[in-house]
Amino acid sequence: MYSVHATRSLASHPLHLITFDEHTFAGQDLLWLPHHAALRNAGRKRKSEHLAGRIAAVHALRERGFSAPPPVGDQGQPVWPPGLYGSISHSGNRAVAVVSSAPIGVDIETLPAPAVCDDIASGIVDAHERALLRASPLPWPLALTLAFSAKESAYKCFSFRAVPFPGFHSAKLVAVGHHRTRLRFTAEFSVDLAGKCIEIDWMSEHNQLITLATAPSSEA
């Protein structure tokens, strides 16, 4: 599969991006992955996305002295080397991965068409969050995607302390800033984390948005 690797820096973390062409994917490309048999019944799109994500992950792991792609855990999650945490995401024709010594979550999203934003907003934000986003200088599709993606990154970062499938309304947007936003967890996300606020860093390019949530080293 044809792919191009690039790096970006967000909140002092190197992000490894893979731009890939799904149409160049061939079945034998998966043989590079030790767990390729687990993808036997997946569709072409899923296979190419998974491969791109693992390529991005290997680039990230090489910075830490590892060269093997992360295997698949019992819940479908990537399994990282001992002492490391990581996160993978993909959207459209790009995948992104990041590795850290503390819990971390990354998400990439393609901006939706303006016409569909109002239809999907209620599933992502409540009335207060919506007003906060509307009052920001960000275009509505970018602002709404930021709320969605920030909550995705937060869940990936703190999933080990969250209830199963907490939902988008379990974390509330409380501030929207230039390349940084703030979320507050509710008890619906985690009783232990209820009331805790976290900062989510973000960047946008190529009609896509990337968010990054990081946990303090004390959470490791």
C-alpha atoms as a PDB file:
ATOM      1  CA  MET A   1       0.000   0.000   0.000  1.00  0.00           C
ATOM      2  CA  TYR A   2       1.336   3.388  -0.936  1.00  0.00           C
ATOM      3  CA  SER A   3       1.866   5.609   2.099  1.00  0.00           C
ATOM      4  CA  VAL A   4       3.778   8.715   3.131  1.00  0.00           C
ATOM      5  CA  HIS A   5       5.094   9.379   6.637  1.00  0.00           C
ATOM      6  CA  ALA A   6       5.220  12.826   8.226  1.00  0.00           C
ATOM      7  CA  THR A   7       5.616  14.181  11.737  1.00  0.00           C
ATOM      8  CA  ARG A   8       3.972  16.991  13.638  1.00  0.00           C
ATOM      9  CA  SER A   9       4.526  18.271  17.164  1.00  0.00           C
ATOM     10  CA  LEU A  10       1.619  18.869  19.521  1.00  0.00           C
ATOM     11  CA  ALA A  11       2.046  19.710  23.207  1.00  0.00           C
ATOM     12  CA  SER A  12       5.719  18.708  22.868  1.00  0.00           C
ATOM     13  CA  HIS A  13       4.724  15.214  21.715  1.00  0.00           C
ATOM     14  CA  PRO A  14       5.790  13.980  18.268  1.00  0.00           C
ATOM     15  CA  LEU A  15       2.811  12.810  16.238  1.00  0.00           C
ATOM     16  CA  HIS A  16       3.455  10.343  13.436  1.00  0.00           C
ATOM     17  CA  LEU A  17       1.100  10.748  10.493  1.00  0.00           C
ATOM     18  CA  ILE A  18       0.591   8.323   7.639  1.00  0.00           C
ATOM     19  CA  THR A  19      -1.195   9.449   4.487  1.00  0.00           C
ATOM     20  CA  PHE A  20      -2.238   6.367   2.552  1.00  0.00           C
ATOM     21  CA  ASP A  21      -3.986   5.357  -0.650  1.00  0.00           C
ATOM     22  CA  GLU A  22      -6.587   2.689   0.052  1.00  0.00           C
ATOM     23  CA  HIS A  23      -6.832   1.876  -3.653  1.00  0.00           C
ATOM     24  CA  THR A  24      -3.225   0.639  -3.680  1.00  0.00           C
ATOM     25  CA  PHE A  25      -3.829  -1.781  -0.796  1.00  0.00           C
ATOM     26  CA  ALA A  26      -3.201  -5.461  -1.529  1.00  0.00           C
ATOM     27  CA  GLY A  27      -4.023  -8.373   0.748  1.00  0.00           C
ATOM     28  CA  GLN A  28      -0.394  -9.416   1.116  1.00  0.00           C
ATOM     29  CA  ASP A  29       0.416  -6.036   2.658  1.00  0.00           C
ATOM     30  CA  LEU A  30      -1.075  -7.307   5.912  1.00  0.00           C
ATOM     31  CA  LEU A  31       1.433 -10.154   6.144  1.00  0.00           C
ATOM     32  CA  TRP A  32       3.810  -7.616   7.676  1.00  0.00           C
ATOM     33  CA  LEU A  33       1.605  -7.730  10.784  1.00  0.00           C
ATOM     34  CA  PRO A  34       2.016 -10.721  13.126  1.00  0.00           C
ATOM     35  CA  HIS A  35      -1.721 -10.553  13.861  1.00  0.00           C
ATOM     36  CA  HIS A  36      -2.809 -10.383  10.206  1.00  0.00           C
ATOM     37  CA  ALA A  37      -5.077 -13.426  10.623  1.00  0.00           C
ATOM     38  CA  ALA A  38      -7.297 -11.421  12.984  1.00  0.00           C
ATOM     39  CA  LEU A  39      -8.184  -9.143  10.063  1.00  0.00           C
ATOM     40  CA  ARG A  40      -9.093 -11.948   7.682  1.00  0.00           C
ATOM     41  CA  ASN A  41     -12.796 -11.078   7.565  1.00  0.00           C
ATOM     42  CA  ALA A  42     -12.429  -7.292   7.637  1.00  0.00           C
ATOM     43  CA  GLY A  43     -13.303  -5.169   4.625  1.00  0.00           C
ATOM     44  CA  ARG A  44     -10.739  -3.478   2.417  1.00  0.00           C
ATOM     45  CA  LYS A  45     -11.242  -0.078   4.049  1.00  0.00           C
ATOM     46  CA  ARG A  46     -10.825  -1.468   7.560  1.00  0.00           C
ATOM     47  CA  LYS A  47      -7.708  -3.408   6.562  1.00  0.00           C
ATOM     48  CA  SER A  48      -6.039  -0.394   4.960  1.00  0.00           C
ATOM     49  CA  GLU A  49      -6.895   1.850   7.936  1.00  0.00           C
ATOM     50  CA  HIS A  50      -5.548  -0.698  10.394  1.00  0.00           C
ATOM     51  CA  LEU A  51      -2.352  -1.120   8.403  1.00  0.00           C
ATOM     52  CA  ALA A  52      -1.809   2.640   8.181  1.00  0.00           C
ATOM     53  CA  GLY A  53      -2.341   2.967  11.924  1.00  0.00           C
ATOM     54  CA  ARG A  54       0.208   0.262  12.679  1.00  0.00           C
ATOM     55  CA  ILE A  55       2.727   1.844  10.296  1.00  0.00           C
ATOM     56  CA  ALA A  56       2.293   5.117  12.185  1.00  0.00           C
ATOM     57  CA  ALA A  57       2.672   3.262  15.491  1.00  0.00           C
ATOM     58  CA  VAL A  58       5.935   1.635  14.407  1.00  0.00           C
ATOM     59  CA  HIS A  59       7.364   5.029  13.493  1.00  0.00           C
ATOM     60  CA  ALA A  60       6.408   6.264  16.971  1.00  0.00           C
ATOM     61  CA  LEU A  61       7.818   3.178  18.698  1.00  0.00           C
ATOM     62  CA  ARG A  62      11.149   3.420  16.891  1.00  0.00           C
ATOM     63  CA  GLU A  63      11.815   6.609  18.834  1.00  0.00           C
ATOM     64  CA  ARG A  64      11.630   4.460  21.969  1.00  0.00           C
ATOM     65  CA  GLY A  65      13.836   1.655  20.681  1.00  0.00           C
ATOM     66  CA  PHE A  66      11.106  -0.740  19.497  1.00  0.00           C
ATOM     67  CA  SER A  67      10.462  -1.907  15.946  1.00  0.00           C
ATOM     68  CA  ALA A  68       7.542  -4.356  16.091  1.00  0.00           C
ATOM     69  CA  PRO A  69       3.958  -3.214  15.452  1.00  0.00           C
ATOM     70  CA  PRO A  70       1.758  -3.361  18.564  1.00  0.00           C
ATOM     71  CA  PRO A  71      -0.365  -6.522  18.669  1.00  0.00           C
ATOM     72  CA  VAL A  72      -4.119  -6.588  19.213  1.00  0.00           C
ATOM     73  CA  GLY A  73      -5.470  -7.036  22.746  1.00  0.00           C
ATOM     74  CA  ASP A  74      -8.501  -9.014  23.842  1.00  0.00           C
ATOM     75  CA  GLN A  75     -10.766  -6.004  23.283  1.00  0.00           C
ATOM     76  CA  GLY A  76      -9.224  -5.007  19.968  1.00  0.00           C
ATOM     77  CA  GLN A  77      -6.941  -2.393  21.508  1.00  0.00           C
ATOM     78  CA  PRO A  78      -3.255  -2.001  20.586  1.00  0.00           C
ATOM     79  CA  VAL A  79      -0.947  -3.523  23.202  1.00  0.00           C
ATOM     80  CA  TRP A  80       2.092  -1.354  23.881  1.00  0.00           C
ATOM     81  CA  PRO A  81       5.482  -2.430  25.260  1.00  0.00           C
ATOM     82  CA  PRO A  82       5.817  -2.463  29.066  1.00  0.00           C
ATOM     83  CA  GLY A  83       6.283   1.012  30.484  1.00  0.00           C
ATOM     84  CA  LEU A  84       4.854   2.742  27.420  1.00  0.00           C
ATOM     85  CA  TYR A  85       1.443   4.088  26.505  1.00  0.00           C
ATOM     86  CA  GLY A  86       0.208   4.898  23.052  1.00  0.00           C
ATOM     87  CA  SER A  87      -2.758   5.800  20.926  1.00  0.00           C
ATOM     88  CA  ILE A  88      -3.756   5.355  17.277  1.00  0.00           C
ATOM     89  CA  SER A  89      -6.485   7.050  15.261  1.00  0.00           C
ATOM     90  CA  HIS A  90      -7.476   7.304  11.613  1.00  0.00           C
ATOM     91  CA  SER A  91      -9.871   9.312   9.482  1.00  0.00           C
ATOM     92  CA  GLY A  92     -10.201   9.570   5.737  1.00  0.00           C
ATOM     93  CA  ASN A  93      -6.851   8.747   4.173  1.00  0.00           C
ATOM     94  CA  ARG A  94      -4.707   9.561   7.209  1.00  0.00           C
ATOM     95  CA  ALA A  95      -3.703   7.746  10.377  1.00  0.00           C
ATOM     96  CA  VAL A  96      -1.872   9.117  13.406  1.00  0.00           C
ATOM     97  CA  ALA A  97      -0.042   7.504  16.316  1.00  0.00           C
ATOM     98  CA  VAL A  98       1.707   8.745  19.436  1.00  0.00           C
ATOM     99  CA  VAL A  99       3.680   7.011  22.197  1.00  0.00           C
ATOM    100  CA  SER A 100       4.438   8.308  25.685  1.00  0.00           C
ATOM    101  CA  SER A 101       5.649   7.206  29.112  1.00  0.00           C
ATOM    102  CA  ALA A 102       2.285   8.287  30.604  1.00  0.00           C
ATOM    103  CA  PRO A 103      -1.319   7.681  29.480  1.00  0.00           C
ATOM    104  CA  ILE A 104      -2.113   9.543  26.275  1.00  0.00           C
ATOM    105  CA  GLY A 105      -4.920   9.734  23.742  1.00  0.00           C
ATOM    106  CA  VAL A 106      -4.943  11.025  20.174  1.00  0.00           C
ATOM    107  CA  ASP A 107      -7.819  11.457  17.753  1.00  0.00           C
ATOM    108  CA  ILE A 108      -8.062  12.623  14.155  1.00  0.00           C
ATOM    109  CA  GLU A 109     -11.337  13.640  12.526  1.00  0.00           C
ATOM    110  CA  THR A 110     -12.382  14.947   9.129  1.00  0.00           C
ATOM    111  CA  LEU A 111     -14.582  18.034   9.382  1.00  0.00           C
ATOM    112  CA  PRO A 112     -18.233  17.363   8.491  1.00  0.00           C
ATOM    113  CA  ALA A 113     -20.234  19.344   5.981  1.00  0.00           C
ATOM    114  CA  PRO A 114     -21.890  22.384   7.614  1.00  0.00           C
ATOM    115  CA  ALA A 115     -25.333  21.090   6.640  1.00  0.00           C
ATOM    116  CA  VAL A 116     -25.098  18.049   8.938  1.00  0.00           C
ATOM    117  CA  CYS A 117     -23.642  19.761  12.016  1.00  0.00           C
ATOM    118  CA  ASP A 118     -26.955  20.811  13.550  1.00  0.00           C
ATOM    119  CA  ASP A 119     -28.331  17.295  13.088  1.00  0.00           C
ATOM    120  CA  ILE A 120     -25.504  15.642  15.028  1.00  0.00           C
ATOM    121  CA  ALA A 121     -24.745  18.331  17.622  1.00  0.00           C
ATOM    122  CA  SER A 122     -27.174  17.102  20.295  1.00  0.00           C
ATOM    123  CA  GLY A 123     -25.400  13.751  20.460  1.00  0.00           C
ATOM    124  CA  ILE A 124     -22.076  15.457  21.183  1.00  0.00           C
ATOM    125  CA  VAL A 125     -22.768  18.546  23.323  1.00  0.00           C
ATOM    126  CA  ASP A 126     -25.472  19.908  25.616  1.00  0.00           C
ATOM    127  CA  ALA A 127     -27.054  23.365  25.340  1.00  0.00           C
ATOM    128  CA  HIS A 128     -24.375  25.058  27.470  1.00  0.00           C
ATOM    129  CA  GLU A 129     -21.527  23.515  25.478  1.00  0.00           C
ATOM    130  CA  ARG A 130     -23.236  24.422  22.234  1.00  0.00           C
ATOM    131  CA  ALA A 131     -23.515  28.060  23.316  1.00  0.00           C
ATOM    132  CA  LEU A 132     -19.844  28.038  24.286  1.00  0.00           C
ATOM    133  CA  LEU A 133     -18.859  26.706  20.873  1.00  0.00           C
ATOM    134  CA  ARG A 134     -21.100  29.162  19.042  1.00  0.00           C
ATOM    135  CA  ALA A 135     -19.531  32.041  20.975  1.00  0.00           C
ATOM    136  CA  SER A 136     -16.023  30.991  19.958  1.00  0.00           C
ATOM    137  CA  PRO A 137     -14.385  32.446  16.827  1.00  0.00           C
ATOM    138  CA  LEU A 138     -14.124  28.964  15.303  1.00  0.00           C
ATOM    139  CA  PRO A 139     -16.294  28.007  12.315  1.00  0.00           C
ATOM    140  CA  TRP A 140     -19.186  25.823  13.477  1.00  0.00           C
ATOM    141  CA  PRO A 141     -17.979  22.588  11.775  1.00  0.00           C
ATOM    142  CA  LEU A 142     -14.523  22.990  13.324  1.00  0.00           C
ATOM    143  CA  ALA A 143     -15.910  23.909  16.749  1.00  0.00           C
ATOM    144  CA  LEU A 144     -18.285  20.940  16.869  1.00  0.00           C
ATOM    145  CA  THR A 145     -15.610  18.552  15.634  1.00  0.00           C
ATOM    146  CA  LEU A 146     -13.298  19.903  18.322  1.00  0.00           C
ATOM    147  CA  ALA A 147     -15.831  18.992  21.010  1.00  0.00           C
ATOM    148  CA  PHE A 148     -16.287  15.504  19.547  1.00  0.00           C
ATOM    149  CA  SER A 149     -12.585  14.840  19.069  1.00  0.00           C
ATOM    150  CA  ALA A 150     -11.544  16.265  22.444  1.00  0.00           C
ATOM    151  CA  LYS A 151     -13.918  13.866  24.185  1.00  0.00           C
ATOM    152  CA  GLU A 152     -12.603  10.968  22.100  1.00  0.00           C
ATOM    153  CA  SER A 153      -9.008  11.784  23.054  1.00  0.00           C
ATOM    154  CA  ALA A 154      -9.939  12.183  26.709  1.00  0.00           C
ATOM    155  CA  TYR A 155     -11.617   8.777  26.766  1.00  0.00           C
ATOM    156  CA  LYS A 156      -8.620   7.122  25.101  1.00  0.00           C
ATOM    157  CA  CYS A 157      -6.286   8.712  27.620  1.00  0.00           C
ATOM    158  CA  PHE A 158      -8.335   7.915  30.730  1.00  0.00           C
ATOM    159  CA  SER A 159     -10.212   4.787  29.623  1.00  0.00           C
ATOM    160  CA  PHE A 160      -8.442   2.748  32.295  1.00  0.00           C
ATOM    161  CA  ARG A 161     -10.317   4.814  34.917  1.00  0.00           C
ATOM    162  CA  ALA A 162     -13.600   5.279  33.049  1.00  0.00           C
ATOM    163  CA  VAL A 163     -16.827   3.325  33.229  1.00  0.00           C
ATOM    164  CA  PRO A 164     -17.554   1.188  30.137  1.00  0.00           C
ATOM    165  CA  PHE A 165     -18.850   3.289  27.229  1.00  0.00           C
ATOM    166  CA  PRO A 166     -19.440   6.519  29.184  1.00  0.00           C
ATOM    167  CA  GLY A 167     -20.883   8.517  26.267  1.00  0.00           C
ATOM    168  CA  PHE A 168     -20.144  12.021  25.012  1.00  0.00           C
ATOM    169  CA  HIS A 169     -22.156  13.785  27.710  1.00  0.00           C
ATOM    170  CA  SER A 170     -19.990  12.312  30.476  1.00  0.00           C
ATOM    171  CA  ALA A 171     -17.334  14.971  29.819  1.00  0.00           C
ATOM    172  CA  LYS A 172     -18.269  18.637  29.502  1.00  0.00           C
ATOM    173  CA  LEU A 173     -16.569  21.315  27.473  1.00  0.00           C
ATOM    174  CA  VAL A 174     -15.814  24.265  29.763  1.00  0.00           C
ATOM    175  CA  ALA A 175     -13.398  26.391  27.690  1.00  0.00           C
ATOM    176  CA  VAL A 176     -12.429  26.762  24.043  1.00  0.00           C
ATOM    177  CA  GLY A 177      -9.113  28.375  23.226  1.00  0.00           C
ATOM    178  CA  HIS A 178      -6.684  28.793  20.374  1.00  0.00           C
ATOM    179  CA  HIS A 179      -5.181  25.303  19.998  1.00  0.00           C
ATOM    180  CA  ARG A 180      -6.239  24.284  23.520  1.00  0.00           C
ATOM    181  CA  THR A 181      -9.585  23.436  25.062  1.00  0.00           C
ATOM    182  CA  ARG A 182     -10.693  22.240  28.491  1.00  0.00           C
ATOM    183  CA  LEU A 183     -12.990  19.405  29.545  1.00  0.00           C
ATOM    184  CA  ARG A 184     -14.480  18.547  32.927  1.00  0.00           C
ATOM    185  CA  PHE A 185     -15.291  14.940  33.764  1.00  0.00           C
ATOM    186  CA  THR A 186     -18.592  14.040  35.404  1.00  0.00           C
ATOM    187  CA  ALA A 187     -19.420  11.049  37.581  1.00  0.00           C
ATOM    188  CA  GLU A 188     -20.931   9.442  34.475  1.00  0.00           C
ATOM    189  CA  PHE A 189     -17.386   9.157  33.136  1.00  0.00           C
ATOM    190  CA  SER A 190     -15.717   8.148  36.393  1.00  0.00           C
ATOM    191  CA  VAL A 191     -16.672   8.656  40.022  1.00  0.00           C
ATOM    192  CA  ASP A 192     -12.993   9.082  40.887  1.00  0.00           C
ATOM    193  CA  LEU A 193     -12.461  11.723  38.190  1.00  0.00           C
ATOM    194  CA  ALA A 194     -15.724  13.636  38.683  1.00  0.00           C
ATOM    195  CA  GLY A 195     -15.047  17.376  38.659  1.00  0.00           C
ATOM    196  CA  LYS A 196     -11.499  16.995  37.343  1.00  0.00           C
ATOM    197  CA  CYS A 197     -10.584  19.281  34.428  1.00  0.00           C
ATOM    198  CA  ILE A 198      -8.075  18.387  31.731  1.00  0.00           C
ATOM    199  CA  GLU A 199      -6.540  20.379  28.903  1.00  0.00           C
ATOM    200  CA  ILE A 200      -6.824  19.067  25.349  1.00  0.00           C
ATOM    201  CA  ASP A 201      -4.385  20.370  22.745  1.00  0.00           C
ATOM    202  CA  TRP A 202      -5.437  20.548  19.125  1.00  0.00           C
ATOM    203  CA  MET A 203      -4.347  21.447  15.621  1.00  0.00           C
ATOM    204  CA  SER A 204      -6.074  21.508  12.245  1.00  0.00           C
ATOM    205  CA  GLU A 205      -4.866  20.984   8.690  1.00  0.00           C
ATOM    206  CA  HIS A 206      -6.143  19.544   5.410  1.00  0.00           C
ATOM    207  CA  ASN A 207      -9.795  19.830   6.531  1.00  0.00           C
ATOM    208  CA  GLN A 208      -8.982  17.605   9.489  1.00  0.00           C
ATOM    209  CA  LEU A 209      -8.579  18.110  13.216  1.00  0.00           C
ATOM    210  CA  ILE A 210      -6.189  16.350  15.592  1.00  0.00           C
ATOM    211  CA  THR A 211      -6.642  16.431  19.364  1.00  0.00           C
ATOM    212  CA  LEU A 212      -4.295  15.177  22.061  1.00  0.00           C
ATOM    213  CA  ALA A 213      -5.057  14.381  25.700  1.00  0.00           C
ATOM    214  CA  THR A 214      -2.249  13.671  28.135  1.00  0.00           C
ATOM    215  CA  ALA A 215      -2.267  12.429  31.708  1.00  0.00           C
ATOM    216  CA  PRO A 216       0.290  13.356  34.365  1.00  0.00           C
ATOM    217  CA  SER A 217       3.078  10.867  34.987  1.00  0.00           C
ATOM    218  CA  SER A 218       1.470  10.079  38.348  1.00  0.00           C
ATOM    219  CA  GLU A 219      -1.286   8.276  36.416  1.00  0.00           C
ATOM    220  CA  ALA A 220       1.225   5.876  34.844  1.00  0.00           C
END
